[in-house]
Amino acid sequence: MDIKRTVLWVVFSVSLLFLWDQWQRHNGQPSLFFPGTNQTAPVATGPASAGTGTDVPQASAPAAVGAAAVPAVAAKGEIITITTDVVKADIDTIGGELKRLELLSQKDTVDPTKNLVLFDASPSRTYLAETGLIGGPFPNHKSPFTALPGARTLDNGNQVQLVLESTEGGVKLTKTFTFTRGDYTIDIKHTVTNDTDAPISPSLYLQLVRDGNAHAGEQRFVHTFTGASVYTEADKFQKFTFENIEKGNAEHAFGADNGWFALMQHYFVSAFIPQDKAPREIFTKKLVTNLYAVGNILPLGTIAPGASTTMDARLFSGPEETAVLEKLSPGLALVKDYGWQKIIAEPIFWLMTQIHKALGNWGWTIICLTILIKLAFFPLSAASYRSMAKMKLVTPKMTSIRERYKSEPQKMNQAMMELYKTEKINPLGGCLPILIQIPVFLSLYSVLLASVEFRNAPWLGWIHDLAAPDPFYILPIVMAISMFIQTKLNPTPPDPMQAKVMLFMPLIFSVMFFFFPSGLVLYWVTNNILSIGQQWVITRKMGEARA
């Protein structure tokens, strides 16, 4: 019993410590446990607005990325809007920058009446996709482009294209953006034509630019990774924060002929996937205060006078749906990062997708999965509850022993051990089965927290978004009640102070769960209700057998 209370106190203390750590991180303070976790960076204070003064990378030396001069007077361009069934994209004819991307099937976290905007170039937000040429006075992402005539909406077709052209120094760069129905991937073809009298050797750069601010609408006590990542076949998946880029210690591959680079945030990712088997340099860079870039530089080789060359790339910007990411590029599904729980979390998510195919509702899927997990661990849970039932039945005897030997700890322990032996009780019997299940529960927590499939997914009645907190706090209140009932079913600690603390724990945890996604709370409520039923039956049978 002493060991069981010790375990409960440790769990309680660690929970409070993590709660305090989450509160510190929420208020911009460094984490005690995750020093690499991205904190909210200060808003840019430079005179240039977002997207008007970003540097052009320049491969003046191998594996080196420098800064080229930006024109003193920026030309004014035209915003071309392309609309499909899933995205609405604003592309500036100055540089062909993707300056705004609205996801038409995803609702904004802060204001659900609006669609989520991923890319943006506003005074409060910077998130851009830029491409251009380096290696000479060639068109880059600050050069004026001309938009060729063409459709701007998908209408009845399956694709819509935007073609931009720019010529500088006798070199023409043609960017062809291709949008496809039902697809968050934008194909971007770069055609370079040498209209000069001499051969040229340009390089194409692709880069994603973003401020270091945490994404809007991040829930309290639920902190997820915001930063950049790189993938190559040799070095696999590597992620790093904007703080790492700021300090110049972002660890990643610097060269390859395959892979991709991306910017990640909760539920969403933007990834540039260059043409395969094309050698490239990989760079990260701080551009100005609170503005960072990650990208590739791809040499195009020597282009003879009058000749052309083409380099293709794909830009995916959308939700982190595992099935979609797996088809796009090797390793891209890793942006949905489960951490050390991956080995258990991935099978759990696969099982959930199979259940969802049959039920068609993610809320019922969570409930069904919880029941399956409970059945899988039924023998362990039953052993735990039988042990706790025995402990509860002998609690009066344990209390008597404590009173009798309260001034003689050694005799008290001997009497306790004799009681355990006589009653055939294992003091660890109630704890070990629970500890074995913890990795599974943590992995399920990661799945529910990381999966965009639950975002905007309704369950029933008042739950319209399983990824958002319960708007009426009904599930957290039900959870608090279920935890209180469980506390009553457990053996009462002989120490009155400990007993009072155990009664207050449901209230403490329910307050914390007010801010958790309702899908997570639904899982815990279901698990608690099943546990109460199982524990009540076992305790009742034990009592009847003893009588």
Protein backbone atom coordinates (compact mmCIF):
# COMPACT_ATOMS: atom_id res chain seq x y z
CA MET A 1 0.00 0.00 0.00
CA ASP A 2 2.91 2.34 0.79
CA ILE A 3 4.40 1.66 -2.63
CA LYS A 4 1.06 2.29 -4.33
CA ARG A 5 0.65 5.62 -2.57
CA THR A 6 4.19 6.54 -3.51
CA VAL A 7 3.47 5.81 -7.18
CA LEU A 8 0.29 7.91 -7.03
CA TRP A 9 2.14 10.78 -5.40
CA VAL A 10 4.85 10.59 -8.09
CA VAL A 11 2.22 10.66 -10.85
CA PHE A 12 0.48 13.57 -9.18
CA SER A 13 3.72 15.53 -8.70
CA VAL A 14 4.93 14.91 -12.24
CA SER A 15 1.53 15.97 -13.62
CA LEU A 16 1.70 19.24 -11.70
CA LEU A 17 5.27 19.79 -12.90
CA PHE A 18 4.31 19.26 -16.54
CA LEU A 19 1.28 21.50 -16.07
CA TRP A 20 3.53 24.26 -14.75
CA ASP A 21 5.97 23.71 -17.63
CA GLN A 22 3.18 24.00 -20.20
CA TRP A 23 2.02 27.21 -18.56
CA GLN A 24 5.56 28.61 -18.74
CA ARG A 25 5.85 27.69 -22.42
CA HIS A 26 2.43 29.20 -23.14
CA ASN A 27 3.65 32.50 -21.70
CA GLY A 28 6.84 32.50 -23.77
CA GLN A 29 9.19 31.19 -21.07
CA PRO A 30 11.77 28.47 -21.82
CA SER A 31 10.71 24.89 -21.20
CA LEU A 32 12.24 22.85 -18.39
CA PHE A 33 12.08 19.65 -20.42
CA PHE A 34 12.10 20.69 -24.10
CA PRO A 35 14.80 23.36 -24.56
CA GLY A 36 14.62 22.94 -28.34
CA THR A 37 10.90 23.61 -28.51
CA ASN A 38 10.11 26.71 -30.51
CA GLN A 39 9.02 29.72 -28.49
CA THR A 40 7.08 32.65 -29.84
CA ALA A 41 9.60 34.96 -31.46
CA PRO A 42 9.31 38.74 -31.35
CA VAL A 43 7.43 40.48 -34.14
CA ALA A 44 9.66 41.92 -36.83
CA THR A 45 10.65 45.50 -36.12
CA GLY A 46 12.47 46.30 -39.35
CA PRO A 47 11.24 49.12 -41.59
CA ALA A 48 10.44 46.81 -44.51
CA SER A 49 7.10 45.07 -44.49
CA ALA A 50 6.98 41.31 -44.75
CA GLY A 51 7.81 39.98 -48.16
CA THR A 52 9.22 43.21 -49.63
CA GLY A 53 12.79 42.94 -48.42
CA THR A 54 13.69 39.25 -48.34
CA ASP A 55 17.12 38.42 -49.66
CA VAL A 56 17.91 36.61 -52.86
CA PRO A 57 20.17 33.64 -52.12
CA GLN A 58 23.39 33.63 -54.09
CA ALA A 59 25.63 30.63 -54.69
CA SER A 60 28.83 32.60 -55.05
CA ALA A 61 30.77 29.75 -53.45
CA PRO A 62 30.07 26.06 -53.01
CA ALA A 63 27.54 25.40 -50.24
CA ALA A 64 27.38 29.13 -49.48
CA VAL A 65 24.28 31.28 -49.47
CA GLY A 66 24.76 35.03 -49.36
CA ALA A 67 22.63 38.13 -49.83
CA ALA A 68 22.17 40.04 -53.05
CA ALA A 69 21.11 43.65 -53.23
CA VAL A 70 17.40 44.40 -53.40
CA PRO A 71 16.31 47.22 -55.72
CA ALA A 72 15.97 50.52 -53.86
CA VAL A 73 12.58 51.23 -55.44
CA ALA A 74 10.37 48.19 -55.61
CA ALA A 75 8.13 47.91 -58.66
CA LYS A 76 4.40 47.52 -58.13
CA GLY A 77 2.96 44.27 -59.41
CA GLU A 78 -0.41 42.72 -60.02
CA ILE A 79 -1.92 40.05 -57.79
CA ILE A 80 -3.21 37.12 -59.82
CA THR A 81 -5.76 34.97 -57.97
CA ILE A 82 -6.15 31.32 -58.91
CA THR A 83 -9.15 29.47 -57.46
CA THR A 84 -9.73 25.72 -57.38
CA ASP A 85 -12.10 23.59 -55.34
CA VAL A 86 -9.61 23.35 -52.43
CA VAL A 87 -7.36 26.45 -52.58
CA LYS A 88 -7.40 30.11 -53.42
CA ALA A 89 -3.90 31.34 -54.28
CA ASP A 90 -2.61 34.91 -54.71
CA ILE A 91 0.53 35.15 -56.85
CA ASP A 92 2.33 38.47 -57.32
CA THR A 93 3.64 39.34 -60.75
CA ILE A 94 6.61 40.83 -58.92
CA GLY A 95 8.82 37.80 -58.62
CA GLY A 96 6.03 35.29 -59.03
CA GLU A 97 5.80 35.03 -55.24
CA LEU A 98 3.04 32.94 -53.71
CA LYS A 99 1.89 35.56 -51.19
CA ARG A 100 -1.38 34.13 -49.94
CA LEU A 101 -2.91 30.67 -49.87
CA GLU A 102 -6.38 30.08 -48.50
CA LEU A 103 -7.45 26.49 -47.81
CA LEU A 104 -11.11 26.40 -48.78
CA SER A 105 -11.97 23.18 -46.93
CA GLN A 106 -10.19 24.06 -43.68
CA LYS A 107 -11.70 26.49 -41.15
CA ASP A 108 -9.65 29.07 -39.29
CA THR A 109 -8.84 28.11 -35.70
CA VAL A 110 -9.55 31.55 -34.25
CA ASP A 111 -12.58 32.43 -36.40
CA PRO A 112 -14.37 29.30 -37.72
CA THR A 113 -16.53 31.46 -40.01
CA LYS A 114 -13.43 32.05 -42.16
CA ASN A 115 -11.18 29.70 -44.10
CA LEU A 116 -7.67 29.00 -42.88
CA VAL A 117 -4.96 31.10 -44.54
CA LEU A 118 -1.60 29.33 -44.70
CA PHE A 119 0.58 31.62 -46.82
CA ASP A 120 0.24 35.32 -46.08
CA ALA A 121 2.05 38.64 -46.50
CA SER A 122 0.53 41.05 -44.00
CA PRO A 123 1.92 43.38 -41.32
CA SER A 124 1.35 40.67 -38.70
CA ARG A 125 2.23 37.56 -40.69
CA THR A 126 4.83 36.44 -43.23
CA TYR A 127 4.70 33.09 -44.99
CA LEU A 128 5.87 32.99 -48.62
CA ALA A 129 7.05 30.67 -51.39
CA GLU A 130 9.73 32.17 -53.64
CA THR A 131 11.73 30.97 -56.64
CA GLY A 132 14.21 32.59 -59.05
CA LEU A 133 17.62 32.43 -60.71
CA ILE A 134 21.08 33.26 -59.36
CA GLY A 135 24.53 33.23 -60.87
CA GLY A 136 24.13 36.47 -62.84
CA PRO A 137 21.74 39.37 -63.50
CA PHE A 138 18.86 36.97 -64.05
CA PRO A 139 15.15 37.08 -63.08
CA ASN A 140 14.58 36.41 -59.39
CA HIS A 141 11.72 36.72 -56.91
CA LYS A 142 11.92 40.54 -57.04
CA SER A 143 11.86 40.85 -60.83
CA PRO A 144 8.73 42.07 -62.67
CA PHE A 145 6.92 39.27 -64.52
CA THR A 146 4.21 39.41 -67.16
CA ALA A 147 1.18 37.16 -66.78
CA LEU A 148 0.04 35.50 -69.99
CA PRO A 149 -3.73 35.37 -70.68
CA GLY A 150 -5.59 32.34 -69.44
CA ALA A 151 -8.26 30.99 -67.09
CA ARG A 152 -8.01 31.93 -63.42
CA THR A 153 -10.57 29.49 -62.00
CA LEU A 154 -10.93 25.74 -62.31
CA ASP A 155 -14.50 25.85 -63.64
CA ASN A 156 -15.36 22.50 -65.26
CA GLY A 157 -11.83 21.37 -66.03
CA ASN A 158 -9.38 19.41 -63.89
CA GLN A 159 -6.49 21.86 -64.14
CA VAL A 160 -5.82 25.58 -64.36
CA GLN A 161 -2.46 27.15 -65.24
CA LEU A 162 -0.79 30.49 -64.67
CA VAL A 163 2.18 31.36 -66.88
CA LEU A 164 4.54 34.19 -65.88
CA GLU A 165 7.46 35.49 -67.95
CA SER A 166 10.37 37.78 -67.08
CA THR A 167 13.51 38.74 -69.02
CA GLU A 168 16.61 40.28 -67.49
CA GLY A 169 20.07 40.45 -68.99
CA GLY A 170 18.89 38.61 -72.07
CA VAL A 171 17.75 35.61 -70.00
CA LYS A 172 14.07 34.70 -69.90
CA LEU A 173 12.53 32.81 -67.00
CA THR A 174 9.09 31.30 -67.54
CA LYS A 175 7.22 30.04 -64.48
CA THR A 176 4.26 27.78 -65.11
CA PHE A 177 2.02 27.14 -62.09
CA THR A 178 -0.36 24.19 -62.50
CA PHE A 179 -3.24 23.70 -60.06
CA THR A 180 -5.22 20.44 -60.06
CA ARG A 181 -8.73 19.70 -58.86
CA GLY A 182 -8.87 18.22 -55.35
CA ASP A 183 -5.10 18.62 -54.90
CA TYR A 184 -3.06 20.83 -52.56
CA THR A 185 0.01 20.29 -54.73
CA ILE A 186 1.09 23.06 -57.12
CA ASP A 187 3.36 21.98 -59.98
CA ILE A 188 5.84 24.74 -60.79
CA LYS A 189 7.85 24.40 -64.00
CA HIS A 190 10.80 26.77 -64.54
CA THR A 191 11.95 27.20 -68.14
CA VAL A 192 15.15 29.20 -68.67
CA THR A 193 15.90 30.51 -72.18
CA ASN A 194 19.28 32.00 -73.06
CA ASP A 195 18.72 34.84 -75.56
CA THR A 196 22.26 36.19 -75.16
CA ASP A 197 25.29 35.57 -77.38
CA ALA A 198 27.23 33.68 -74.70
CA PRO A 199 26.64 30.54 -72.65
CA ILE A 200 25.28 30.99 -69.13
CA SER A 201 25.35 28.79 -66.01
CA PRO A 202 22.47 29.86 -63.77
CA SER A 203 21.11 28.08 -60.70
CA LEU A 204 17.49 27.85 -59.67
CA TYR A 205 16.61 28.53 -56.06
CA LEU A 206 13.44 27.45 -54.26
CA GLN A 207 12.76 28.78 -50.80
CA LEU A 208 10.07 29.01 -48.14
CA VAL A 209 10.10 32.13 -46.00
CA ARG A 210 8.31 32.47 -42.67
CA ASP A 211 8.33 34.53 -39.50
CA GLY A 212 9.13 32.78 -36.26
CA ASN A 213 5.80 33.41 -34.55
CA ALA A 214 3.74 30.49 -33.29
CA HIS A 215 0.67 29.87 -35.41
CA ALA A 216 -2.49 31.62 -34.33
CA GLY A 217 -5.01 29.71 -32.27
CA GLU A 218 -2.61 27.33 -30.54
CA GLN A 219 -4.50 25.79 -27.64
CA ARG A 220 -3.40 26.24 -24.05
CA PHE A 221 -1.48 23.31 -22.58
CA VAL A 222 -1.26 21.72 -26.05
CA HIS A 223 2.04 22.75 -27.61
CA THR A 224 3.21 21.33 -30.92
CA PHE A 225 6.26 21.77 -33.12
CA THR A 226 6.58 24.83 -35.36
CA GLY A 227 9.70 25.01 -37.51
CA ALA A 228 11.46 23.63 -40.57
CA SER A 229 12.52 20.19 -41.77
CA VAL A 230 14.70 18.60 -44.44
CA TYR A 231 14.66 15.07 -45.84
CA THR A 232 17.21 13.21 -47.96
CA GLU A 233 17.62 9.50 -48.61
CA ALA A 234 21.02 9.52 -46.90
CA ASP A 235 20.25 11.59 -43.81
CA LYS A 236 16.51 10.91 -43.53
CA PHE A 237 14.16 13.24 -41.66
CA GLN A 238 15.71 16.21 -39.84
CA LYS A 239 13.72 18.97 -38.15
CA PHE A 240 14.82 22.17 -36.43
CA THR A 241 13.27 25.28 -34.95
CA PHE A 242 13.55 28.89 -36.06
CA GLU A 243 15.58 29.41 -32.91
CA ASN A 244 18.12 26.93 -34.32
CA ILE A 245 18.29 28.95 -37.55
CA GLU A 246 18.64 32.16 -35.54
CA LYS A 247 21.64 30.74 -33.66
CA GLY A 248 23.13 29.15 -36.77
CA ASN A 249 23.05 25.63 -35.32
CA ALA A 250 20.30 24.06 -37.44
CA GLU A 251 21.58 20.54 -38.10
CA HIS A 252 20.60 19.17 -41.51
CA ALA A 253 22.03 17.78 -44.72
CA PHE A 254 23.69 20.36 -46.96
CA GLY A 255 23.60 18.57 -50.28
CA ALA A 256 21.77 15.77 -52.12
CA ASP A 257 20.11 14.88 -55.42
CA ASN A 258 16.79 13.92 -53.84
CA GLY A 259 14.43 14.75 -51.01
CA TRP A 260 12.48 17.82 -49.97
CA PHE A 261 12.38 20.69 -47.47
CA ALA A 262 9.40 22.01 -45.54
CA LEU A 263 7.92 24.36 -42.98
CA MET A 264 5.79 22.65 -40.34
CA GLN A 265 3.12 23.73 -37.89
CA HIS A 266 0.32 21.95 -36.08
CA TYR A 267 -1.77 19.99 -38.61
CA PHE A 268 -0.28 21.72 -41.71
CA VAL A 269 2.89 21.61 -43.79
CA SER A 270 4.34 23.38 -46.82
CA ALA A 271 6.95 21.33 -48.66
CA PHE A 272 8.96 22.01 -51.81
CA ILE A 273 9.77 18.78 -53.66
CA PRO A 274 12.34 19.50 -56.39
CA GLN A 275 12.86 17.33 -59.43
CA ASP A 276 14.40 13.98 -58.45
CA LYS A 277 18.04 13.17 -59.26
CA ALA A 278 18.83 16.88 -59.61
CA PRO A 279 21.88 17.85 -57.49
CA ARG A 280 21.13 20.61 -55.00
CA GLU A 281 22.49 22.61 -52.11
CA ILE A 282 20.32 22.86 -48.98
CA PHE A 283 20.38 26.08 -47.00
CA THR A 284 18.76 27.73 -44.01
CA LYS A 285 19.10 31.40 -43.24
CA LYS A 286 17.93 34.26 -41.07
CA LEU A 287 16.87 37.02 -43.49
CA VAL A 288 15.97 39.87 -41.14
CA THR A 289 14.68 40.13 -37.59
CA ASN A 290 12.19 37.31 -37.03
CA LEU A 291 12.23 36.17 -40.67
CA TYR A 292 13.76 32.88 -41.76
CA ALA A 293 14.25 30.89 -44.96
CA VAL A 294 14.85 27.26 -45.85
CA GLY A 295 15.52 26.23 -49.42
CA ASN A 296 17.42 24.54 -52.22
CA ILE A 297 19.81 25.79 -54.89
CA LEU A 298 19.80 23.64 -58.04
CA PRO A 299 22.50 24.22 -60.71
CA LEU A 300 20.99 24.16 -64.21
CA GLY A 301 24.25 23.49 -66.00
CA THR A 302 25.53 25.40 -69.01
CA ILE A 303 22.87 26.77 -71.36
CA ALA A 304 24.11 27.61 -74.85
CA PRO A 305 22.97 30.77 -76.69
CA GLY A 306 19.45 30.29 -78.02
CA ALA A 307 18.92 27.13 -75.95
CA SER A 308 16.50 26.41 -73.09
CA THR A 309 16.39 24.13 -70.08
CA THR A 310 13.60 23.17 -67.72
CA MET A 311 13.50 22.28 -64.03
CA ASP A 312 10.31 21.01 -62.39
CA ALA A 313 9.28 21.25 -58.74
CA ARG A 314 6.18 20.61 -56.69
CA LEU A 315 4.91 22.67 -53.79
CA PHE A 316 2.54 20.96 -51.39
CA SER A 317 0.75 23.26 -48.94
CA GLY A 318 -2.05 21.72 -46.97
CA PRO A 319 -3.13 19.41 -44.16
CA GLU A 320 -0.87 16.62 -42.92
CA GLU A 321 -3.03 13.76 -44.15
CA THR A 322 -0.91 10.62 -43.94
CA ALA A 323 -2.32 8.89 -47.03
CA VAL A 324 -1.72 11.97 -49.20
CA LEU A 325 1.79 12.67 -47.92
CA GLU A 326 2.92 9.06 -48.39
CA LYS A 327 2.05 9.21 -52.10
CA LEU A 328 3.76 12.56 -52.72
CA SER A 329 7.35 11.80 -51.77
CA PRO A 330 9.36 9.32 -49.69
CA GLY A 331 9.57 10.42 -46.08
CA LEU A 332 7.08 13.27 -46.37
CA ALA A 333 4.62 11.57 -44.01
CA LEU A 334 7.28 11.96 -41.29
CA VAL A 335 6.26 15.62 -40.85
CA LYS A 336 3.43 14.08 -38.84
CA ASP A 337 5.95 13.42 -36.11
CA TYR A 338 4.94 11.11 -33.26
CA GLY A 339 8.37 11.24 -31.60
CA TRP A 340 9.47 8.21 -29.59
CA GLN A 341 5.91 6.82 -29.64
CA LYS A 342 6.09 6.28 -33.41
CA ILE A 343 6.48 2.49 -33.24
CA ILE A 344 3.13 2.23 -31.41
CA ALA A 345 1.40 5.37 -32.72
CA GLU A 346 1.57 4.44 -36.41
CA PRO A 347 -0.23 1.08 -35.97
CA ILE A 348 -2.82 2.79 -33.77
CA PHE A 349 -3.52 5.41 -36.45
CA TRP A 350 -3.72 2.70 -39.13
CA LEU A 351 -6.29 0.85 -37.00
CA MET A 352 -8.26 4.07 -36.51
CA THR A 353 -8.41 4.67 -40.27
CA GLN A 354 -9.78 1.15 -40.79
CA ILE A 355 -12.44 1.69 -38.11
CA HIS A 356 -13.33 5.08 -39.63
CA LYS A 357 -13.90 3.48 -43.02
CA ALA A 358 -16.62 1.39 -41.42
CA LEU A 359 -18.14 4.00 -39.06
CA GLY A 360 -17.59 7.22 -41.01
CA ASN A 361 -17.34 9.33 -37.84
CA TRP A 362 -14.10 10.08 -35.99
CA GLY A 363 -15.86 10.50 -32.63
CA TRP A 364 -17.33 7.00 -32.74
CA THR A 365 -13.97 5.79 -34.08
CA ILE A 366 -12.26 7.09 -30.91
CA ILE A 367 -14.85 5.33 -28.73
CA CYS A 368 -14.56 2.08 -30.69
CA LEU A 369 -10.74 2.17 -30.54
CA THR A 370 -10.84 2.80 -26.78
CA ILE A 371 -13.06 -0.26 -26.35
CA LEU A 372 -10.66 -2.39 -28.43
CA ILE A 373 -7.65 -1.22 -26.41
CA LYS A 374 -9.56 -1.88 -23.20
CA LEU A 375 -10.33 -5.42 -24.38
CA ALA A 376 -6.69 -6.00 -25.35
CA PHE A 377 -5.57 -5.02 -21.86
CA PHE A 378 -8.51 -6.65 -20.08
CA PRO A 379 -6.41 -9.33 -18.29
CA LEU A 380 -3.91 -6.74 -17.04
CA SER A 381 -6.64 -4.36 -15.93
CA ALA A 382 -8.51 -7.18 -14.20
CA ALA A 383 -5.37 -8.17 -12.28
CA SER A 384 -4.88 -4.56 -11.24
CA TYR A 385 -8.48 -4.12 -10.07
CA ARG A 386 -8.44 -7.45 -8.18
CA SER A 387 -5.33 -6.30 -6.36
CA MET A 388 -6.94 -2.96 -5.50
CA ALA A 389 -10.12 -4.71 -4.39
CA LYS A 390 -8.10 -6.87 -2.00
CA MET A 391 -6.32 -3.79 -0.69
CA LYS A 392 -9.65 -2.08 -0.11
CA LEU A 393 -11.02 -5.07 1.81
CA VAL A 394 -8.04 -5.16 4.19
CA THR A 395 -7.84 -1.40 4.64
CA PRO A 396 -9.42 -1.59 8.14
CA LYS A 397 -6.75 -4.08 9.19
CA MET A 398 -3.99 -1.89 7.75
CA THR A 399 -5.37 1.11 9.61
CA SER A 400 -5.40 -0.88 12.81
CA ILE A 401 -1.76 -1.90 12.33
CA ARG A 402 -0.74 1.71 11.72
CA GLU A 403 -2.48 2.84 14.89
CA ARG A 404 -0.99 0.01 16.94
CA TYR A 405 2.62 0.54 15.78
CA LYS A 406 2.60 4.24 14.86
CA SER A 407 5.67 4.86 17.04
CA GLU A 408 7.47 1.70 15.89
CA PRO A 409 8.02 1.88 12.09
CA GLN A 410 10.01 -1.35 11.94
CA LYS A 411 7.31 -3.41 13.66
CA MET A 412 4.69 -1.67 11.51
CA ASN A 413 6.44 -2.76 8.32
CA GLN A 414 6.83 -6.32 9.62
CA ALA A 415 3.13 -6.48 10.49
CA MET A 416 2.21 -5.09 7.06
CA MET A 417 4.33 -7.69 5.29
CA GLU A 418 2.75 -10.43 7.38
CA LEU A 419 -0.70 -9.12 6.46
CA TYR A 420 0.21 -9.09 2.73
CA LYS A 421 1.42 -12.68 3.06
CA THR A 422 -1.65 -13.87 4.96
CA GLU A 423 -4.11 -12.17 2.58
CA LYS A 424 -2.01 -13.10 -0.52
CA ILE A 425 -1.73 -9.50 -1.64
CA ASN A 426 0.98 -8.12 -3.91
CA PRO A 427 1.46 -4.39 -3.08
CA LEU A 428 2.63 -3.78 -6.67
CA GLY A 429 -0.25 -5.71 -8.18
CA GLY A 430 -2.35 -2.60 -8.69
CA CYS A 431 0.44 -0.53 -10.24
CA LEU A 432 2.45 -2.71 -12.59
CA PRO A 433 -0.42 -3.53 -15.01
CA ILE A 434 -1.19 0.19 -15.27
CA LEU A 435 2.46 1.09 -15.90
CA ILE A 436 2.66 -1.45 -18.74
CA GLN A 437 -0.27 0.29 -20.49
CA ILE A 438 1.16 3.81 -20.23
CA PRO A 439 3.19 3.70 -23.53
CA VAL A 440 0.03 2.73 -25.43
CA PHE A 441 -2.00 5.51 -23.84
CA LEU A 442 0.75 8.07 -24.57
CA SER A 443 0.95 6.90 -28.18
CA LEU A 444 -2.80 7.24 -28.57
CA TYR A 445 -2.54 10.74 -27.09
CA SER A 446 0.07 11.60 -29.77
CA VAL A 447 -2.14 10.22 -32.53
CA LEU A 448 -5.15 12.24 -31.42
CA LEU A 449 -3.06 15.38 -30.99
CA ALA A 450 -1.16 15.16 -34.30
CA SER A 451 -3.83 13.96 -36.72
CA VAL A 452 -5.43 16.66 -38.84
CA GLU A 453 -8.18 14.17 -39.66
CA PHE A 454 -9.82 15.16 -36.36
CA ARG A 455 -9.72 18.87 -37.20
CA ASN A 456 -13.22 20.21 -37.94
CA ALA A 457 -14.51 16.63 -37.52
CA PRO A 458 -17.84 16.51 -35.65
CA TRP A 459 -18.94 13.79 -33.25
CA LEU A 460 -22.53 14.48 -32.21
CA GLY A 461 -24.65 17.27 -30.75
CA TRP A 462 -22.51 20.07 -29.39
CA ILE A 463 -19.13 18.62 -30.49
CA HIS A 464 -18.50 20.10 -33.94
CA ASP A 465 -14.68 19.88 -33.90
CA LEU A 466 -12.86 17.03 -32.16
CA ALA A 467 -9.60 18.99 -32.39
CA ALA A 468 -11.02 21.94 -30.42
CA PRO A 469 -11.94 22.13 -26.72
CA ASP A 470 -15.48 21.25 -25.70
CA PRO A 471 -17.35 24.58 -26.08
CA PHE A 472 -19.65 23.83 -23.11
CA TYR A 473 -17.10 21.86 -21.00
CA ILE A 474 -19.51 18.93 -20.77
CA LEU A 475 -16.91 16.24 -21.47
CA PRO A 476 -14.38 17.63 -18.93
CA ILE A 477 -17.12 17.72 -16.28
CA VAL A 478 -18.14 14.13 -17.08
CA MET A 479 -14.48 13.19 -16.88
CA ALA A 480 -14.14 14.82 -13.45
CA ILE A 481 -17.20 12.86 -12.23
CA SER A 482 -15.79 9.61 -13.60
CA MET A 483 -12.42 10.24 -11.92
CA PHE A 484 -14.22 10.96 -8.62
CA ILE A 485 -16.10 7.66 -8.88
CA GLN A 486 -12.83 5.84 -9.62
CA THR A 487 -11.27 7.44 -6.54
CA LYS A 488 -14.15 6.15 -4.42
CA LEU A 489 -13.71 2.64 -5.83
CA ASN A 490 -9.98 2.64 -5.01
CA PRO A 491 -8.66 1.82 -1.54
CA THR A 492 -8.83 4.85 0.75
CA PRO A 493 -5.39 6.01 1.96
CA PRO A 494 -5.09 5.65 5.75
CA ASP A 495 -3.61 9.15 5.96
CA PRO A 496 -6.56 11.65 6.00
CA MET A 497 -4.48 14.31 4.21
CA GLN A 498 -3.62 11.93 1.37
CA ALA A 499 -7.27 10.95 1.13
CA LYS A 500 -8.29 14.59 0.70
CA VAL A 501 -5.62 15.14 -1.96
CA MET A 502 -6.87 12.09 -3.90
CA LEU A 503 -10.40 13.55 -3.83
CA PHE A 504 -9.17 16.87 -5.19
CA MET A 505 -7.19 15.30 -8.06
CA PRO A 506 -10.28 14.86 -10.33
CA LEU A 507 -11.00 18.58 -9.99
CA ILE A 508 -7.38 19.53 -10.80
CA PHE A 509 -7.24 17.30 -13.87
CA SER A 510 -10.66 18.36 -15.14
CA VAL A 511 -9.59 22.03 -15.11
CA MET A 512 -6.55 21.11 -17.20
CA PHE A 513 -8.73 19.11 -19.61
CA PHE A 514 -10.96 22.15 -20.18
CA PHE A 515 -8.27 23.29 -22.65
CA PHE A 516 -7.59 19.92 -24.29
CA PRO A 517 -9.09 18.92 -27.66
CA SER A 518 -12.48 17.30 -27.16
CA GLY A 519 -11.29 14.17 -29.00
CA LEU A 520 -8.67 13.58 -26.31
CA VAL A 521 -11.19 14.16 -23.52
CA LEU A 522 -13.65 11.82 -25.25
CA TYR A 523 -11.02 9.09 -25.17
CA TRP A 524 -10.35 9.57 -21.44
CA VAL A 525 -14.06 9.72 -20.59
CA THR A 526 -14.72 6.48 -22.49
CA ASN A 527 -11.72 4.80 -20.90
CA ASN A 528 -12.77 5.91 -17.40
CA ILE A 529 -16.36 4.70 -17.84
CA LEU A 530 -15.16 1.29 -19.05
CA SER A 531 -12.66 1.12 -16.17
CA ILE A 532 -15.38 2.00 -13.62
CA GLY A 533 -17.62 -0.78 -14.93
CA GLN A 534 -14.83 -3.35 -14.88
CA GLN A 535 -13.57 -2.27 -11.46
CA TRP A 536 -17.08 -2.23 -9.94
CA VAL A 537 -17.85 -5.76 -11.14
CA ILE A 538 -14.53 -7.14 -9.85
CA THR A 539 -14.82 -5.35 -6.49
CA ARG A 540 -18.39 -6.62 -6.04
CA LYS A 541 -17.40 -10.20 -6.85
CA MET A 542 -14.45 -10.02 -4.46
CA GLY A 543 -16.72 -8.74 -1.69
CA GLU A 544 -19.30 -11.49 -2.29
CA ALA A 545 -16.62 -14.17 -2.32
CA ARG A 546 -15.15 -12.89 0.95
CA ALA A 547 -18.58 -12.80 2.58
